[in-house]
PDB file of N, CA and C in Angstrom:
ATOM      1  N   MET A   1     -20.978 -54.491 -59.164  1.00  0.00           N
ATOM      2  CA  MET A   1     -21.171 -55.595 -59.809  1.00  0.00           C
ATOM      3  C   MET A   1     -20.121 -56.500 -59.360  1.00  0.00           C
ATOM      4  N   GLU A   2     -20.573 -57.784 -59.736  1.00  0.00           N
ATOM      5  CA  GLU A   2     -19.726 -59.131 -59.680  1.00  0.00           C
ATOM      6  C   GLU A   2     -19.223 -59.519 -61.334  1.00  0.00           C
ATOM      7  N   ILE A   3     -18.053 -59.974 -61.326  1.00  0.00           N
ATOM      8  CA  ILE A   3     -17.404 -60.618 -62.391  1.00  0.00           C
ATOM      9  C   ILE A   3     -16.843 -61.818 -61.909  1.00  0.00           C
ATOM     10  N   ARG A   4     -17.333 -62.788 -63.053  1.00  0.00           N
ATOM     11  CA  ARG A   4     -16.471 -63.970 -62.658  1.00  0.00           C
ATOM     12  C   ARG A   4     -15.852 -64.317 -64.062  1.00  0.00           C
ATOM     13  N   ILE A   5     -14.958 -64.590 -63.920  1.00  0.00           N
ATOM     14  CA  ILE A   5     -14.009 -65.170 -65.318  1.00  0.00           C
ATOM     15  C   ILE A   5     -13.640 -66.363 -65.125  1.00  0.00           C
ATOM     16  N   GLY A   6     -13.304 -67.164 -66.119  1.00  0.00           N
ATOM     17  CA  GLY A   6     -12.920 -68.499 -66.166  1.00  0.00           C
ATOM     18  C   GLY A   6     -11.826 -68.684 -67.379  1.00  0.00           C
ATOM     19  N   ILE A   7     -10.633 -69.195 -66.774  1.00  0.00           N
ATOM     20  CA  ILE A   7      -9.468 -69.338 -67.412  1.00  0.00           C
ATOM     21  C   ILE A   7      -9.152 -70.739 -68.202  1.00  0.00           C
ATOM     22  N   GLN A   8      -8.985 -70.678 -69.254  1.00  0.00           N
ATOM     23  CA  GLN A   8      -8.745 -72.088 -69.889  1.00  0.00           C
ATOM     24  C   GLN A   8      -7.681 -72.927 -68.906  1.00  0.00           C
ATOM     25  N   HIS A   9      -7.707 -74.013 -68.709  1.00  0.00           N
ATOM     26  CA  HIS A   9      -6.929 -75.019 -68.401  1.00  0.00           C
ATOM     27  C   HIS A   9      -6.617 -74.474 -66.480  1.00  0.00           C
ATOM     28  N   SER A  10      -7.757 -73.876 -66.183  1.00  0.00           N
ATOM     29  CA  SER A  10      -7.398 -73.268 -64.604  1.00  0.00           C
ATOM     30  C   SER A  10      -8.790 -73.932 -63.996  1.00  0.00           C
ATOM     31  N   PRO A  11      -8.694 -74.903 -63.023  1.00  0.00           N
ATOM     32  CA  PRO A  11      -9.734 -75.214 -62.659  1.00  0.00           C
ATOM     33  C   PRO A  11     -10.493 -74.146 -61.319  1.00  0.00           C
ATOM     34  N   ARG A  12     -10.043 -72.988 -61.153  1.00  0.00           N
ATOM     35  CA  ARG A  12     -10.480 -71.997 -60.242  1.00  0.00           C
ATOM     36  C   ARG A  12     -11.063 -70.584 -61.154  1.00  0.00           C
ATOM     37  N   GLU A  13     -12.057 -70.171 -61.177  1.00  0.00           N
ATOM     38  CA  GLU A  13     -12.437 -68.839 -61.485  1.00  0.00           C
ATOM     39  C   GLU A  13     -12.104 -67.450 -60.859  1.00  0.00           C
ATOM     40  N   LEU A  14     -11.867 -66.547 -61.607  1.00  0.00           N
ATOM     41  CA  LEU A  14     -11.554 -65.263 -60.904  1.00  0.00           C
ATOM     42  C   LEU A  14     -12.943 -64.786 -60.661  1.00  0.00           C
ATOM     43  N   VAL A  15     -12.997 -63.955 -59.578  1.00  0.00           N
ATOM     44  CA  VAL A  15     -14.506 -63.285 -58.925  1.00  0.00           C
ATOM     45  C   VAL A  15     -13.693 -61.863 -58.569  1.00  0.00           C
ATOM     46  N   ILE A  16     -14.022 -60.707 -59.308  1.00  0.00           N
ATOM     47  CA  ILE A  16     -13.961 -59.559 -59.004  1.00  0.00           C
ATOM     48  C   ILE A  16     -15.066 -58.988 -58.864  1.00  0.00           C
ATOM     49  N   GLU A  17     -15.095 -57.652 -57.790  1.00  0.00           N
ATOM     50  CA  GLU A  17     -16.154 -56.854 -57.377  1.00  0.00           C
ATOM     51  C   GLU A  17     -15.629 -55.666 -57.647  1.00  0.00           C
ATOM     52  N   SER A  18     -16.497 -55.095 -59.023  1.00  0.00           N
ATOM     53  CA  SER A  18     -16.346 -53.785 -59.342  1.00  0.00           C
ATOM     54  C   SER A  18     -16.943 -52.902 -59.733  1.00  0.00           C
ATOM     55  N   ASP A  19     -16.955 -51.587 -59.469  1.00  0.00           N
ATOM     56  CA  ASP A  19     -18.046 -50.508 -59.833  1.00  0.00           C
ATOM     57  C   ASP A  19     -17.891 -50.116 -61.451  1.00  0.00           C
ATOM     58  N   GLU A  20     -17.028 -50.969 -62.254  1.00  0.00           N
ATOM     59  CA  GLU A  20     -17.197 -50.376 -63.975  1.00  0.00           C
ATOM     60  C   GLU A  20     -18.517 -50.543 -64.135  1.00  0.00           C
ATOM     61  N   ASN A  21     -18.716 -50.062 -65.028  1.00  0.00           N
ATOM     62  CA  ASN A  21     -20.013 -50.304 -66.136  1.00  0.00           C
ATOM     63  C   ASN A  21     -20.059 -51.962 -66.630  1.00  0.00           C
ATOM     64  N   ALA A  22     -21.256 -52.591 -66.334  1.00  0.00           N
ATOM     65  CA  ALA A  22     -21.083 -53.804 -67.073  1.00  0.00           C
ATOM     66  C   ALA A  22     -20.831 -53.723 -68.764  1.00  0.00           C
ATOM     67  N   GLU A  23     -21.624 -53.136 -69.289  1.00  0.00           N
ATOM     68  CA  GLU A  23     -21.692 -52.971 -70.758  1.00  0.00           C
ATOM     69  C   GLU A  23     -20.075 -52.945 -71.011  1.00  0.00           C
ATOM     70  N   ALA A  24     -19.503 -51.790 -70.603  1.00  0.00           N
ATOM     71  CA  ALA A  24     -18.066 -51.623 -70.728  1.00  0.00           C
ATOM     72  C   ALA A  24     -17.241 -52.559 -70.748  1.00  0.00           C
ATOM     73  N   VAL A  25     -17.160 -53.272 -69.749  1.00  0.00           N
ATOM     74  CA  VAL A  25     -16.435 -54.523 -69.188  1.00  0.00           C
ATOM     75  C   VAL A  25     -16.759 -55.932 -70.018  1.00  0.00           C
ATOM     76  N   LEU A  26     -17.691 -55.988 -70.261  1.00  0.00           N
ATOM     77  CA  LEU A  26     -17.773 -57.093 -71.435  1.00  0.00           C
ATOM     78  C   LEU A  26     -17.525 -56.473 -72.705  1.00  0.00           C
ATOM     79  N   GLU A  27     -17.873 -55.475 -73.427  1.00  0.00           N
ATOM     80  CA  GLU A  27     -17.107 -54.937 -74.533  1.00  0.00           C
ATOM     81  C   GLU A  27     -15.450 -55.090 -74.670  1.00  0.00           C
ATOM     82  N   ARG A  28     -14.997 -54.558 -73.678  1.00  0.00           N
ATOM     83  CA  ARG A  28     -13.433 -54.749 -73.439  1.00  0.00           C
ATOM     84  C   ARG A  28     -13.206 -56.389 -73.450  1.00  0.00           C
ATOM     85  N   LEU A  29     -13.847 -57.439 -72.666  1.00  0.00           N
ATOM     86  CA  LEU A  29     -13.462 -58.648 -72.759  1.00  0.00           C
ATOM     87  C   LEU A  29     -13.892 -59.261 -73.785  1.00  0.00           C
ATOM     88  N   GLY A  30     -14.601 -58.527 -74.617  1.00  0.00           N
ATOM     89  CA  GLY A  30     -14.889 -59.267 -75.839  1.00  0.00           C
ATOM     90  C   GLY A  30     -14.152 -58.792 -77.296  1.00  0.00           C
ATOM     91  N   ALA A  31     -13.421 -57.618 -77.081  1.00  0.00           N
ATOM     92  CA  ALA A  31     -12.435 -57.246 -77.895  1.00  0.00           C
ATOM     93  C   ALA A  31     -11.371 -58.085 -77.471  1.00  0.00           C
ATOM     94  N   ALA A  32     -10.822 -58.220 -76.181  1.00  0.00           N
ATOM     95  CA  ALA A  32      -9.929 -59.315 -76.007  1.00  0.00           C
ATOM     96  C   ALA A  32      -9.790 -60.317 -76.316  1.00  0.00           C
ATOM     97  N   VAL A  33     -10.846 -60.957 -76.451  1.00  0.00           N
ATOM     98  CA  VAL A  33     -11.037 -62.521 -76.752  1.00  0.00           C
ATOM     99  C   VAL A  33     -11.003 -62.339 -78.279  1.00  0.00           C
ATOM    100  N   ALA A  34     -11.633 -61.546 -79.256  1.00  0.00           N
ATOM    101  CA  ALA A  34     -11.252 -61.310 -80.451  1.00  0.00           C
ATOM    102  C   ALA A  34      -9.823 -61.242 -80.885  1.00  0.00           C
ATOM    103  N   ASP A  35      -9.170 -60.434 -80.368  1.00  0.00           N
ATOM    104  CA  ASP A  35      -7.432 -60.145 -80.952  1.00  0.00           C
ATOM    105  C   ASP A  35      -6.798 -60.818 -80.123  1.00  0.00           C
ATOM    106  N   GLY A  36      -7.048 -61.515 -78.912  1.00  0.00           N
ATOM    107  CA  GLY A  36      -6.025 -62.208 -78.263  1.00  0.00           C
ATOM    108  C   GLY A  36      -5.054 -61.397 -76.950  1.00  0.00           C
ATOM    109  N   SER A  37      -5.551 -60.155 -77.073  1.00  0.00           N
ATOM    110  CA  SER A  37      -4.908 -59.047 -76.204  1.00  0.00           C
ATOM    111  C   SER A  37      -5.502 -59.210 -74.881  1.00  0.00           C
ATOM    112  N   PRO A  38      -4.194 -58.861 -73.658  1.00  0.00           N
ATOM    113  CA  PRO A  38      -4.983 -59.042 -72.466  1.00  0.00           C
ATOM    114  C   PRO A  38      -5.700 -57.999 -72.106  1.00  0.00           C
ATOM    115  N   VAL A  39      -6.532 -57.933 -71.044  1.00  0.00           N
ATOM    116  CA  VAL A  39      -7.518 -56.950 -70.684  1.00  0.00           C
ATOM    117  C   VAL A  39      -6.965 -56.670 -69.004  1.00  0.00           C
ATOM    118  N   THR A  40      -7.309 -55.561 -68.689  1.00  0.00           N
ATOM    119  CA  THR A  40      -6.958 -55.084 -67.113  1.00  0.00           C
ATOM    120  C   THR A  40      -8.313 -54.686 -66.545  1.00  0.00           C
ATOM    121  N   LEU A  41      -8.648 -55.220 -65.518  1.00  0.00           N
ATOM    122  CA  LEU A  41      -9.747 -54.830 -64.471  1.00  0.00           C
ATOM    123  C   LEU A  41      -9.446 -54.398 -63.588  1.00  0.00           C
ATOM    124  N   VAL A  42     -10.322 -53.543 -62.848  1.00  0.00           N
ATOM    125  CA  VAL A  42      -9.658 -52.813 -61.540  1.00  0.00           C
ATOM    126  C   VAL A  42     -11.157 -53.184 -61.090  1.00  0.00           C
ATOM    127  N   ASP A  43     -10.875 -53.591 -59.682  1.00  0.00           N
ATOM    128  CA  ASP A  43     -11.681 -54.240 -58.510  1.00  0.00           C
ATOM    129  C   ASP A  43     -12.440 -52.598 -57.821  1.00  0.00           C
ATOM    130  N   ASP A  44     -13.098 -53.187 -56.850  1.00  0.00           N
ATOM    131  CA  ASP A  44     -13.993 -51.842 -56.273  1.00  0.00           C
ATOM    132  C   ASP A  44     -12.531 -51.193 -55.115  1.00  0.00           C
ATOM    133  N   LYS A  45     -11.826 -52.140 -54.956  1.00  0.00           N
ATOM    134  CA  LYS A  45     -10.625 -51.561 -54.036  1.00  0.00           C
ATOM    135  C   LYS A  45      -9.407 -51.184 -54.629  1.00  0.00           C
ATOM    136  N   GLY A  46      -9.670 -50.941 -55.969  1.00  0.00           N
ATOM    137  CA  GLY A  46      -8.528 -50.389 -56.721  1.00  0.00           C
ATOM    138  C   GLY A  46      -7.053 -51.595 -57.026  1.00  0.00           C
ATOM    139  N   LYS A  47      -7.490 -52.735 -56.946  1.00  0.00           N
ATOM    140  CA  LYS A  47      -6.825 -53.686 -57.366  1.00  0.00           C
ATOM    141  C   LYS A  47      -6.915 -54.031 -58.769  1.00  0.00           C
ATOM    142  N   LYS A  48      -5.710 -53.860 -59.673  1.00  0.00           N
ATOM    143  CA  LYS A  48      -5.781 -54.519 -60.983  1.00  0.00           C
ATOM    144  C   LYS A  48      -5.597 -55.567 -60.978  1.00  0.00           C
ATOM    145  N   VAL A  49      -6.193 -56.609 -62.045  1.00  0.00           N
ATOM    146  CA  VAL A  49      -6.308 -57.534 -62.579  1.00  0.00           C
ATOM    147  C   VAL A  49      -5.904 -57.864 -64.187  1.00  0.00           C
ATOM    148  N   LEU A  50      -4.636 -58.363 -64.310  1.00  0.00           N
ATOM    149  CA  LEU A  50      -4.487 -58.402 -66.020  1.00  0.00           C
ATOM    150  C   LEU A  50      -4.976 -59.831 -66.309  1.00  0.00           C
ATOM    151  N   ILE A  51      -5.717 -59.914 -67.386  1.00  0.00           N
ATOM    152  CA  ILE A  51      -6.476 -61.105 -67.988  1.00  0.00           C
ATOM    153  C   ILE A  51      -5.852 -61.398 -69.337  1.00  0.00           C
ATOM    154  N   PRO A  52      -5.594 -62.776 -69.400  1.00  0.00           N
ATOM    155  CA  PRO A  52      -5.204 -63.067 -71.002  1.00  0.00           C
ATOM    156  C   PRO A  52      -6.394 -63.140 -71.735  1.00  0.00           C
ATOM    157  N   GLY A  53      -6.691 -62.255 -72.568  1.00  0.00           N
ATOM    158  CA  GLY A  53      -7.682 -62.575 -73.636  1.00  0.00           C
ATOM    159  C   GLY A  53      -7.801 -63.762 -74.444  1.00  0.00           C
ATOM    160  N   ALA A  54      -6.201 -64.416 -74.808  1.00  0.00           N
ATOM    161  CA  ALA A  54      -6.521 -65.535 -75.698  1.00  0.00           C
ATOM    162  C   ALA A  54      -6.631 -66.713 -74.928  1.00  0.00           C
ATOM    163  N   LYS A  55      -6.587 -66.656 -73.504  1.00  0.00           N
ATOM    164  CA  LYS A  55      -7.167 -67.789 -72.654  1.00  0.00           C
ATOM    165  C   LYS A  55      -8.575 -67.411 -71.705  1.00  0.00           C
ATOM    166  N   LEU A  56      -9.084 -66.722 -71.922  1.00  0.00           N
ATOM    167  CA  LEU A  56     -10.355 -66.523 -71.460  1.00  0.00           C
ATOM    168  C   LEU A  56     -11.431 -67.491 -72.366  1.00  0.00           C
ATOM    169  N   ALA A  57     -12.004 -68.109 -70.924  1.00  0.00           N
ATOM    170  CA  ALA A  57     -12.862 -69.149 -71.552  1.00  0.00           C
ATOM    171  C   ALA A  57     -14.465 -68.881 -71.124  1.00  0.00           C
ATOM    172  N   TYR A  58     -14.738 -67.788 -70.712  1.00  0.00           N
ATOM    173  CA  TYR A  58     -16.319 -67.192 -70.357  1.00  0.00           C
ATOM    174  C   TYR A  58     -15.725 -65.991 -69.030  1.00  0.00           C
ATOM    175  N   ALA A  59     -16.748 -65.195 -69.085  1.00  0.00           N
ATOM    176  CA  ALA A  59     -17.061 -64.086 -68.143  1.00  0.00           C
ATOM    177  C   ALA A  59     -18.638 -64.013 -67.873  1.00  0.00           C
ATOM    178  N   GLU A  60     -18.887 -63.552 -66.666  1.00  0.00           N
ATOM    179  CA  GLU A  60     -20.053 -63.846 -66.128  1.00  0.00           C
ATOM    180  C   GLU A  60     -20.661 -62.705 -65.351  1.00  0.00           C
ATOM    181  N   VAL A  61     -21.399 -61.832 -65.801  1.00  0.00           N
ATOM    182  CA  VAL A  61     -21.351 -60.171 -65.062  1.00  0.00           C
ATOM    183  C   VAL A  61     -22.745 -60.394 -64.602  1.00  0.00           C
ATOM    184  N   SER A  62     -22.598 -60.090 -63.206  1.00  0.00           N
ATOM    185  CA  SER A  62     -23.813 -59.848 -62.520  1.00  0.00           C
ATOM    186  C   SER A  62     -23.919 -58.711 -61.754  1.00  0.00           C
ATOM    187  N   THR A  63     -25.405 -57.620 -62.153  1.00  0.00           N
ATOM    188  CA  THR A  63     -25.244 -56.828 -61.937  1.00  0.00           C
ATOM    189  C   THR A  63     -26.752 -56.596 -60.727  1.00  0.00           C
ATOM    190  N   GLU A  64     -26.832 -57.737 -60.127  1.00  0.00           N
ATOM    191  CA  GLU A  64     -28.084 -57.890 -59.317  1.00  0.00           C
ATOM    192  C   GLU A  64     -27.667 -57.280 -58.295  1.00  0.00           C
ATOM    193  N   GLU A  65     -28.457 -56.962 -56.964  1.00  0.00           N
ATOM    194  CA  GLU A  65     -28.229 -56.187 -55.879  1.00  0.00           C
ATOM    195  C   GLU A  65     -27.942 -57.358 -55.070  1.00  0.00           C
ATOM    196  N   PRO A  66     -26.810 -56.918 -54.134  1.00  0.00           N
ATOM    197  CA  PRO A  66     -26.345 -58.060 -52.920  1.00  0.00           C
ATOM    198  C   PRO A  66     -27.287 -58.807 -52.178  1.00  0.00           C
ATOM    199  N   ARG A  67     -26.741 -59.738 -52.253  1.00  0.00           N
ATOM    200  CA  ARG A  67     -27.952 -60.708 -50.821  1.00  0.00           C
ATOM    201  C   ARG A  67     -27.867 -60.079 -49.693  1.00  0.00           C
ATOM    202  N   ARG A  68     -29.101 -60.089 -49.366  1.00  0.00           N
ATOM    203  CA  ARG A  68     -29.638 -59.489 -47.798  1.00  0.00           C
ATOM    204  C   ARG A  68     -29.217 -60.579 -46.578  1.00  0.00           C
ATOM    205  N   VAL A  69     -28.737 -60.171 -45.919  1.00  0.00           N
ATOM    206  CA  VAL A  69     -28.426 -61.196 -44.542  1.00  0.00           C
ATOM    207  C   VAL A  69     -29.409 -60.712 -43.554  1.00  0.00           C
ATOM    208  N   GLY A  70     -30.334 -61.878 -42.877  1.00  0.00           N
ATOM    209  CA  GLY A  70     -31.157 -61.731 -41.295  1.00  0.00           C
ATOM    210  C   GLY A  70     -32.133 -62.153 -41.574  1.00  0.00           C
ATOM    211  N   PHE A  71     -33.257 -62.320 -40.910  1.00  0.00           N
ATOM    212  CA  PHE A  71     -34.622 -62.668 -41.313  1.00  0.00           C
ATOM    213  C   PHE A  71     -35.554 -61.836 -41.356  1.00  0.00           C
ATOM    214  N   LEU A  72     -36.190 -62.378 -42.072  1.00  0.00           N
ATOM    215  CA  LEU A  72     -37.641 -61.898 -42.324  1.00  0.00           C
ATOM    216  C   LEU A  72     -38.722 -61.877 -41.553  1.00  0.00           C
ATOM    217  N   GLY A  73     -39.526 -61.243 -41.286  1.00  0.00           N
ATOM    218  CA  GLY A  73     -40.057 -61.479 -40.129  1.00  0.00           C
ATOM    219  C   GLY A  73     -40.920 -60.314 -39.805  1.00  0.00           C
TER     220      GLY A  73
END
């Protein structure tokens, strides 16, 4: 799944590809926003990203299948 995260006062968003459960990620991000604590996400290659809960502007989780490349015919 693809996770897009906006950080306050930052013109760019974080984009993370992860194999984690979408509901679990949204629950952890919601808890981080509620109490201002940081949250750690792990991408599909094992890289860890620490996100400040107090500065989280938005999170978008996409569970759609990846775009297909090629021609239909």
